């Protein structure tokens, strides 16, 4: 029910929106989307399928799609650029056309060792076929074990023992919450909504606004 939940956007999209903003190191400026109840006619008020498009200031887009009447593809995250694709939940990266030069491979290794050692990504227990025959390479050198639950637990235990948590986790949580709520509102109102200045904080490409400047 809408009084108690915003459905797929707050239950699922918040996690993917956090990963997307972290990967791009940017926050979107506007969002549009659509949601509907097309299958689960059980009295629910929240959507059983949604599609949202988040647009950044330079035209880049982050999309979220979810349909709970079909589970064939499961959960997939894809970070796509002109040089290739990264699938965090599978722990793989795919170069777009040519094999990377040794210097670039070293750059990837340096980056992954720095960034991924303390960033657990849930892996999957299946590997769906893709439109490209390229099988990719494992980011960490091997296929993630299980569904990633143990990695998440290990990261939590490490944070407790070392008394260190991921950097800017509060800001990431704040924006993940704001973006999924704004996306839900855009679907409800059937409008393109811009991120309100009064809710911006100093993080990435957003700066907080005082009451005098809003």
Protein backbone atom coordinates (compact mmCIF):
# COMPACT_ATOMS: atom_id res chain seq x y z
CA UNK A 1 0.00 0.00 0.00
CA UNK A 2 1.23 3.49 -0.85
CA UNK A 3 0.88 4.64 2.75
CA UNK A 4 3.56 2.16 3.79
CA UNK A 5 5.74 1.65 0.69
CA UNK A 6 6.78 3.25 -2.57
CA UNK A 7 7.22 -0.19 -4.08
CA UNK A 8 9.95 -1.10 -6.53
CA UNK A 9 11.64 2.30 -6.49
CA UNK A 10 12.37 2.33 -2.76
CA UNK A 11 12.79 -1.43 -2.33
CA UNK A 12 15.04 -2.11 -5.32
CA UNK A 13 15.98 0.98 -7.32
CA UNK A 14 17.68 2.72 -4.40
CA UNK A 15 20.55 0.19 -4.50
CA UNK A 16 21.14 0.46 -8.25
CA UNK A 17 20.89 4.26 -8.16
CA UNK A 18 23.57 4.34 -5.48
CA UNK A 19 25.88 2.15 -7.59
CA UNK A 20 25.20 4.19 -10.73
CA UNK A 21 25.97 7.53 -9.09
CA UNK A 22 29.10 6.07 -7.49
CA UNK A 23 30.33 4.65 -10.80
CA UNK A 24 29.78 7.89 -12.70
CA UNK A 25 30.87 10.07 -9.77
CA UNK A 26 27.96 12.32 -10.69
CA UNK A 27 24.40 12.96 -9.64
CA UNK A 28 21.53 13.34 -12.14
CA UNK A 29 19.66 16.60 -12.58
CA UNK A 30 16.25 15.31 -13.67
CA UNK A 31 14.16 12.15 -13.89
CA UNK A 32 11.18 10.86 -15.85
CA UNK A 33 9.47 7.51 -15.76
CA UNK A 34 6.37 5.35 -15.83
CA UNK A 35 4.92 2.73 -13.54
CA UNK A 36 1.87 0.50 -13.77
CA UNK A 37 0.09 -2.52 -12.31
CA UNK A 38 -0.31 -4.94 -15.20
CA UNK A 39 -0.07 -8.39 -13.64
CA UNK A 40 -0.49 -8.58 -9.86
CA UNK A 41 -4.17 -7.70 -9.54
CA UNK A 42 -4.21 -8.55 -5.84
CA UNK A 43 -5.29 -5.23 -4.38
CA UNK A 44 -1.84 -3.71 -4.22
CA UNK A 45 -1.47 0.02 -4.81
CA UNK A 46 2.23 0.13 -5.72
CA UNK A 47 3.44 -0.61 -9.24
CA UNK A 48 4.45 -4.12 -10.31
CA UNK A 49 6.59 -2.74 -13.15
CA UNK A 50 8.53 0.51 -13.48
CA UNK A 51 10.88 2.26 -15.89
CA UNK A 52 12.85 5.33 -14.89
CA UNK A 53 15.36 7.51 -16.76
CA UNK A 54 17.75 9.74 -14.84
CA UNK A 55 19.48 12.42 -16.92
CA UNK A 56 22.82 14.04 -16.08
CA UNK A 57 23.93 17.54 -17.02
CA UNK A 58 26.03 16.37 -19.99
CA UNK A 59 23.33 14.13 -21.45
CA UNK A 60 24.43 10.84 -19.90
CA UNK A 61 21.56 8.67 -18.71
CA UNK A 62 21.04 6.14 -15.96
CA UNK A 63 18.02 3.86 -16.39
CA UNK A 64 16.22 1.53 -14.01
CA UNK A 65 13.72 -1.08 -15.17
CA UNK A 66 11.95 -3.65 -13.01
CA UNK A 67 9.16 -6.10 -13.76
CA UNK A 68 8.17 -8.59 -11.09
CA UNK A 69 5.99 -10.80 -13.27
CA UNK A 70 9.06 -12.23 -15.02
CA UNK A 71 12.35 -13.31 -13.42
CA UNK A 72 14.22 -14.65 -16.46
CA UNK A 73 17.02 -12.08 -16.37
CA UNK A 74 17.16 -11.73 -12.60
CA UNK A 75 19.22 -8.79 -11.39
CA UNK A 76 21.64 -7.15 -13.81
CA UNK A 77 23.68 -3.97 -13.54
CA UNK A 78 25.44 -2.66 -16.64
CA UNK A 79 27.80 0.31 -16.76
CA UNK A 80 28.26 1.04 -20.47
CA UNK A 81 30.67 3.44 -22.15
CA UNK A 82 32.42 3.85 -25.48
CA UNK A 83 35.38 1.71 -24.34
CA UNK A 84 33.41 -1.16 -22.88
CA UNK A 85 30.97 -2.48 -20.29
CA UNK A 86 31.26 -3.38 -16.61
CA UNK A 87 28.82 -5.76 -14.92
CA UNK A 88 29.46 -5.38 -11.18
CA UNK A 89 27.17 -8.19 -10.00
CA UNK A 90 28.99 -10.64 -12.27
CA UNK A 91 32.40 -9.19 -11.53
CA UNK A 92 33.20 -8.86 -15.25
CA UNK A 93 34.30 -6.19 -17.68
CA UNK A 94 34.05 -6.32 -21.49
CA UNK A 95 36.11 -4.21 -23.89
CA UNK A 96 34.08 -2.80 -26.74
CA UNK A 97 36.20 -3.78 -29.75
CA UNK A 98 39.92 -4.42 -29.40
CA UNK A 99 42.02 -6.16 -26.79
CA UNK A 100 43.53 -3.71 -24.27
CA UNK A 101 47.18 -2.74 -24.36
CA UNK A 102 49.37 -4.02 -21.48
CA UNK A 103 49.59 -0.51 -20.02
CA UNK A 104 45.81 -0.27 -19.90
CA UNK A 105 45.57 -3.68 -18.25
CA UNK A 106 47.97 -2.47 -15.58
CA UNK A 107 45.79 0.62 -15.09
CA UNK A 108 42.72 -1.59 -14.65
CA UNK A 109 44.56 -3.78 -12.16
CA UNK A 110 45.73 -0.77 -10.14
CA UNK A 111 42.22 0.66 -10.17
CA UNK A 112 40.49 -2.57 -9.19
CA UNK A 113 42.91 -3.22 -6.33
CA UNK A 114 42.31 0.25 -4.98
CA UNK A 115 38.57 0.49 -5.50
CA UNK A 116 37.17 -3.01 -5.20
CA UNK A 117 39.04 -4.41 -2.21
CA UNK A 118 36.60 -2.69 0.16
CA UNK A 119 33.55 -2.62 -2.13
CA UNK A 120 31.55 -5.87 -2.01
CA UNK A 121 29.34 -6.50 -5.01
CA UNK A 122 26.77 -9.26 -4.90
CA UNK A 123 27.51 -11.87 -7.53
CA UNK A 124 25.01 -14.10 -9.27
CA UNK A 125 24.70 -17.86 -9.44
CA UNK A 126 23.94 -17.80 -13.16
CA UNK A 127 25.45 -16.32 -16.33
CA UNK A 128 22.82 -15.38 -18.96
CA UNK A 129 23.74 -15.25 -22.62
CA UNK A 130 24.35 -11.80 -24.01
CA UNK A 131 24.07 -10.27 -27.48
CA UNK A 132 27.86 -10.14 -27.71
CA UNK A 133 29.99 -13.29 -27.91
CA UNK A 134 32.68 -11.53 -25.85
CA UNK A 135 32.91 -13.46 -22.57
CA UNK A 136 34.73 -10.65 -20.81
CA UNK A 137 37.28 -10.74 -18.02
CA UNK A 138 36.83 -11.05 -14.28
CA UNK A 139 37.52 -7.79 -12.48
CA UNK A 140 39.09 -9.52 -9.48
CA UNK A 141 40.63 -12.40 -11.40
CA UNK A 142 38.00 -15.04 -10.62
CA UNK A 143 34.26 -15.58 -10.60
CA UNK A 144 32.56 -14.34 -7.41
CA UNK A 145 31.43 -17.17 -5.15
CA UNK A 146 27.74 -17.58 -4.32
CA UNK A 147 25.35 -14.65 -4.46
CA UNK A 148 27.59 -12.14 -2.72
CA UNK A 149 26.04 -12.48 0.74
CA UNK A 150 29.32 -13.64 2.29
CA UNK A 151 31.15 -10.67 0.74
CA UNK A 152 28.68 -8.26 2.27
CA UNK A 153 29.03 -9.93 5.66
CA UNK A 154 32.83 -9.87 5.41
CA UNK A 155 32.78 -6.15 4.58
CA UNK A 156 30.49 -5.44 7.54
CA UNK A 157 32.69 -7.42 9.95
CA UNK A 158 35.80 -5.67 8.62
CA UNK A 159 34.17 -2.27 9.17
CA UNK A 160 33.29 -3.22 12.76
CA UNK A 161 36.77 -4.54 13.55
CA UNK A 162 38.67 -1.66 11.93
CA UNK A 163 36.05 0.93 12.93
CA UNK A 164 36.18 2.27 9.39
CA UNK A 165 33.22 2.56 7.07
CA UNK A 166 33.12 3.35 3.33
CA UNK A 167 33.84 6.99 2.59
CA UNK A 168 30.84 9.32 2.16
CA UNK A 169 28.40 6.53 2.96
CA UNK A 170 25.95 9.00 4.55
CA UNK A 171 25.91 11.15 1.41
CA UNK A 172 25.48 8.07 -0.80
CA UNK A 173 22.58 6.87 1.33
CA UNK A 174 20.97 10.30 1.29
CA UNK A 175 21.10 10.64 -2.48
CA UNK A 176 20.02 7.05 -3.11
CA UNK A 177 16.93 7.78 -1.00
CA UNK A 178 16.26 11.12 -2.67
CA UNK A 179 16.67 9.77 -6.21
CA UNK A 180 14.34 6.80 -5.74
CA UNK A 181 11.68 9.01 -4.12
CA UNK A 182 11.99 11.60 -6.89
CA UNK A 183 11.68 8.85 -9.48
CA UNK A 184 8.54 7.52 -7.82
CA UNK A 185 7.08 11.04 -7.73
CA UNK A 186 7.82 11.51 -11.44
CA UNK A 187 5.91 8.30 -12.20
CA UNK A 188 2.99 9.32 -10.01
CA UNK A 189 2.72 12.79 -11.55
CA UNK A 190 3.67 11.65 -15.08
CA UNK A 191 6.13 14.54 -15.31
CA UNK A 192 9.82 15.22 -15.80
CA UNK A 193 11.07 16.39 -12.41
CA UNK A 194 14.27 18.29 -11.65
CA UNK A 195 16.24 17.69 -8.48
CA UNK A 196 15.09 20.45 -6.08
CA UNK A 197 17.84 22.92 -5.16
CA UNK A 198 16.71 23.03 -1.53
CA UNK A 199 17.53 19.33 -1.12
CA UNK A 200 21.02 19.44 -2.63
CA UNK A 201 24.01 18.91 -0.35
CA UNK A 202 27.74 19.27 -0.94
CA UNK A 203 28.51 16.02 -2.72
CA UNK A 204 29.97 15.26 -6.15
CA UNK A 205 28.53 17.76 -8.66
CA UNK A 206 25.85 19.09 -6.28
CA UNK A 207 26.30 22.04 -3.95
CA UNK A 208 24.00 22.96 -1.10
CA UNK A 209 21.86 26.06 -1.55
CA UNK A 210 21.03 28.54 1.18
CA UNK A 211 17.53 29.93 1.58
CA UNK A 212 18.77 33.22 0.15
CA UNK A 213 20.02 31.67 -3.09
CA UNK A 214 17.20 29.20 -3.77
